[in-house]
Amino acid sequence: MSVDDAAEFNRVVGVVARERRYLRFVDAPPMDGTIEFLRESLGAGNPHLAVVVDGKLVGWCDVCRSSFEIESHVGRLGIGLLPAWRGKGLGKALLDTAIAAAERSDFSRIELTVFSDNLRAIALYEASGFICEGTMRAAARFGDEYRDVIQMARLGSALPKPWE
């Protein structure tokens, strides 16, 4: 992905956000915010991948490095696909490619959050080595509906695991 993809990226993020099922925000940010996000994140060397079909962006996955010095090995994963492109294996391919790119960029921990009722996504993340680290009860509210958010993480193979 590049800054030139900002308009398409913003459009896809908006579609997924307005579903109020998968993302922790309810619409895309303003276009200038999307451009600035991509400019800064790509400039920092963070992996940003896009799925493009027939010249149209239909999905994305990014891993953004933590801004805290002691967490510089940590990245937060974001992913989304337009509804018509789900269930076709694109999410798995996108996730696997993003994980590999993140590991080449010295990320040794990748974190994400997912709504507890998004069982399909949880299964995808678990199949890619993510483990549930906890549940944030009633962490999201959409109107009158409260939803639990699960924190998951995947550790790189080179990371020492003294707790095992």
Protein backbone atom coordinates (compact mmCIF):
# COMPACT_ATOMS: atom_id res chain seq x y z
CA MET A 1 0.00 0.00 0.00
CA SER A 2 1.12 3.57 -0.57
CA VAL A 3 -0.15 7.04 0.27
CA ASP A 4 -1.64 7.06 -3.25
CA ASP A 5 -4.08 4.38 -2.01
CA ALA A 6 -5.45 6.65 0.75
CA ALA A 7 -8.84 7.33 -0.87
CA GLU A 8 -9.53 3.66 -1.59
CA PHE A 9 -8.22 2.60 1.82
CA ASN A 10 -10.44 5.19 3.50
CA ARG A 11 -13.46 3.98 1.48
CA VAL A 12 -12.94 0.33 2.47
CA VAL A 13 -12.31 1.18 6.13
CA GLY A 14 -15.53 3.21 6.12
CA VAL A 15 -17.59 0.35 4.69
CA VAL A 16 -16.27 -2.11 7.28
CA ALA A 17 -16.58 0.38 10.16
CA ARG A 18 -20.20 1.25 9.35
CA GLU A 19 -21.13 -2.42 9.72
CA ARG A 20 -20.52 -1.92 13.46
CA ARG A 21 -19.46 -5.57 13.78
CA TYR A 22 -15.72 -5.75 13.26
CA LEU A 23 -13.89 -2.50 14.04
CA ARG A 24 -13.67 -0.43 17.19
CA PHE A 25 -14.78 2.71 15.36
CA VAL A 26 -17.99 3.45 13.48
CA ASP A 27 -16.73 5.25 10.36
CA ALA A 28 -13.55 6.03 8.48
CA PRO A 29 -11.48 8.93 9.74
CA PRO A 30 -11.41 12.16 7.75
CA MET A 31 -9.37 11.84 4.55
CA ASP A 32 -6.56 14.08 5.83
CA GLY A 33 -6.24 11.78 8.86
CA THR A 34 -5.98 8.72 6.60
CA ILE A 35 -3.30 10.38 4.48
CA GLU A 36 -1.33 11.40 7.57
CA PHE A 37 -1.68 7.91 9.10
CA LEU A 38 -0.37 6.25 5.94
CA ARG A 39 2.42 8.80 5.46
CA GLU A 40 3.69 8.41 9.04
CA SER A 41 3.21 4.66 9.30
CA LEU A 42 4.73 3.82 5.93
CA GLY A 43 7.56 6.23 6.66
CA ALA A 44 8.23 4.31 9.86
CA GLY A 45 8.53 1.08 7.86
CA ASN A 46 5.33 -0.53 9.10
CA PRO A 47 3.85 -3.24 6.86
CA HIS A 48 0.69 -2.07 5.05
CA LEU A 49 -0.82 -4.55 2.63
CA ALA A 50 -3.76 -4.17 0.30
CA VAL A 51 -5.88 -6.69 -1.58
CA VAL A 52 -6.68 -5.27 -5.00
CA VAL A 53 -9.14 -6.99 -7.35
CA ASP A 54 -9.82 -5.57 -10.81
CA GLY A 55 -8.06 -2.36 -9.82
CA LYS A 56 -10.16 -1.84 -6.68
CA LEU A 57 -8.92 -2.13 -3.12
CA VAL A 58 -11.12 -4.69 -1.33
CA GLY A 59 -9.15 -5.29 1.87
CA TRP A 60 -6.15 -4.32 3.96
CA CYS A 61 -3.89 -5.49 6.73
CA ASP A 62 -1.36 -3.40 8.61
CA VAL A 63 0.94 -3.84 11.57
CA CYS A 64 1.85 -0.58 13.32
CA ARG A 65 4.78 -0.40 15.71
CA SER A 66 4.17 0.84 19.24
CA SER A 67 5.42 4.37 19.88
CA PHE A 68 6.78 3.49 23.33
CA GLU A 69 10.52 2.76 23.35
CA ILE A 70 10.18 -0.29 25.60
CA GLU A 71 7.51 -1.66 23.25
CA SER A 72 9.36 -1.07 20.00
CA HIS A 73 9.21 -4.81 19.29
CA VAL A 74 5.37 -4.73 19.45
CA GLY A 75 2.99 -4.10 16.58
CA ARG A 76 -0.78 -3.70 16.54
CA LEU A 77 -2.55 -5.50 13.71
CA GLY A 78 -5.51 -4.10 11.80
CA ILE A 79 -7.31 -6.02 9.08
CA GLY A 80 -10.53 -5.79 7.09
CA LEU A 81 -12.20 -7.04 3.94
CA LEU A 82 -15.27 -5.82 2.11
CA PRO A 83 -18.26 -8.15 2.74
CA ALA A 84 -18.29 -9.66 -0.77
CA TRP A 85 -14.68 -10.82 -0.38
CA ARG A 86 -14.95 -12.60 2.98
CA GLY A 87 -14.86 -16.39 3.24
CA LYS A 88 -12.68 -16.78 0.13
CA GLY A 89 -9.30 -17.28 1.82
CA LEU A 90 -8.16 -13.69 1.24
CA GLY A 91 -8.12 -12.89 4.96
CA LYS A 92 -5.84 -15.83 5.73
CA ALA A 93 -3.49 -14.97 2.87
CA LEU A 94 -3.44 -11.31 3.90
CA LEU A 95 -2.83 -12.15 7.56
CA ASP A 96 -0.03 -14.63 6.80
CA THR A 97 1.68 -12.16 4.47
CA ALA A 98 1.41 -9.34 7.03
CA ILE A 99 2.84 -11.55 9.80
CA ALA A 100 5.79 -12.52 7.60
CA ALA A 101 6.41 -8.86 6.68
CA ALA A 102 6.21 -7.83 10.33
CA GLU A 103 8.69 -10.49 11.39
CA ARG A 104 11.11 -9.35 8.66
CA SER A 105 10.75 -5.85 10.17
CA ASP A 106 11.80 -7.09 13.63
CA PHE A 107 8.38 -7.25 15.25
CA SER A 108 8.53 -10.05 17.80
CA ARG A 109 5.04 -9.51 19.22
CA ILE A 110 1.90 -8.74 17.22
CA GLU A 111 -1.24 -7.73 19.12
CA LEU A 112 -4.84 -7.33 18.08
CA THR A 113 -8.29 -6.95 19.55
CA VAL A 114 -11.40 -8.70 18.32
CA PHE A 115 -15.03 -8.68 19.45
CA SER A 116 -15.82 -11.85 21.40
CA ASP A 117 -18.73 -12.73 19.09
CA ASN A 118 -16.54 -12.63 15.96
CA LEU A 119 -15.88 -16.36 16.07
CA ARG A 120 -14.72 -16.61 12.46
CA ALA A 121 -11.98 -14.03 13.02
CA ILE A 122 -10.95 -15.58 16.34
CA ALA A 123 -10.53 -18.97 14.62
CA LEU A 124 -8.46 -17.33 11.86
CA TYR A 125 -6.20 -15.61 14.39
CA GLU A 126 -5.77 -18.78 16.45
CA ALA A 127 -4.84 -20.74 13.29
CA SER A 128 -2.12 -18.13 12.69
CA GLY A 129 -0.64 -18.52 16.17
CA PHE A 130 -2.47 -15.81 18.13
CA ILE A 131 -3.44 -16.64 21.71
CA CYS A 132 -6.16 -15.03 23.81
CA GLU A 133 -4.57 -13.00 26.59
CA GLY A 134 -7.74 -11.70 28.16
CA THR A 135 -11.23 -10.33 27.79
CA MET A 136 -12.16 -6.71 28.31
CA ARG A 137 -15.77 -6.99 29.44
CA ALA A 138 -18.27 -4.49 27.98
CA ALA A 139 -15.34 -2.58 26.46
CA ALA A 140 -17.33 -1.43 23.44
CA ARG A 141 -20.79 0.09 23.20
CA PHE A 142 -22.75 0.48 20.01
CA GLY A 143 -25.92 2.31 20.98
CA ASP A 144 -27.46 0.21 23.75
CA GLU A 145 -25.39 -2.89 22.94
CA TYR A 146 -22.28 -3.64 25.02
CA ARG A 147 -19.71 -6.02 23.58
CA ASP A 148 -16.72 -7.76 25.05
CA VAL A 149 -13.34 -7.30 23.38
CA ILE A 150 -10.71 -10.03 23.39
CA GLN A 151 -7.02 -9.14 23.46
CA MET A 152 -4.88 -11.57 21.45
CA ALA A 153 -1.18 -11.70 20.65
CA ARG A 154 1.28 -13.75 18.67
CA LEU A 155 4.92 -14.05 19.69
CA GLY A 156 7.68 -14.52 17.14
CA SER A 157 9.61 -17.76 17.23
CA ALA A 158 12.90 -16.03 18.10
CA LEU A 159 11.45 -14.47 21.26
CA PRO A 160 12.54 -16.23 24.49
CA LYS A 161 9.62 -17.74 26.38
CA PRO A 162 10.76 -18.22 29.98
CA TRP A 163 7.19 -18.84 31.17
CA GLU A 164 6.81 -22.08 29.20
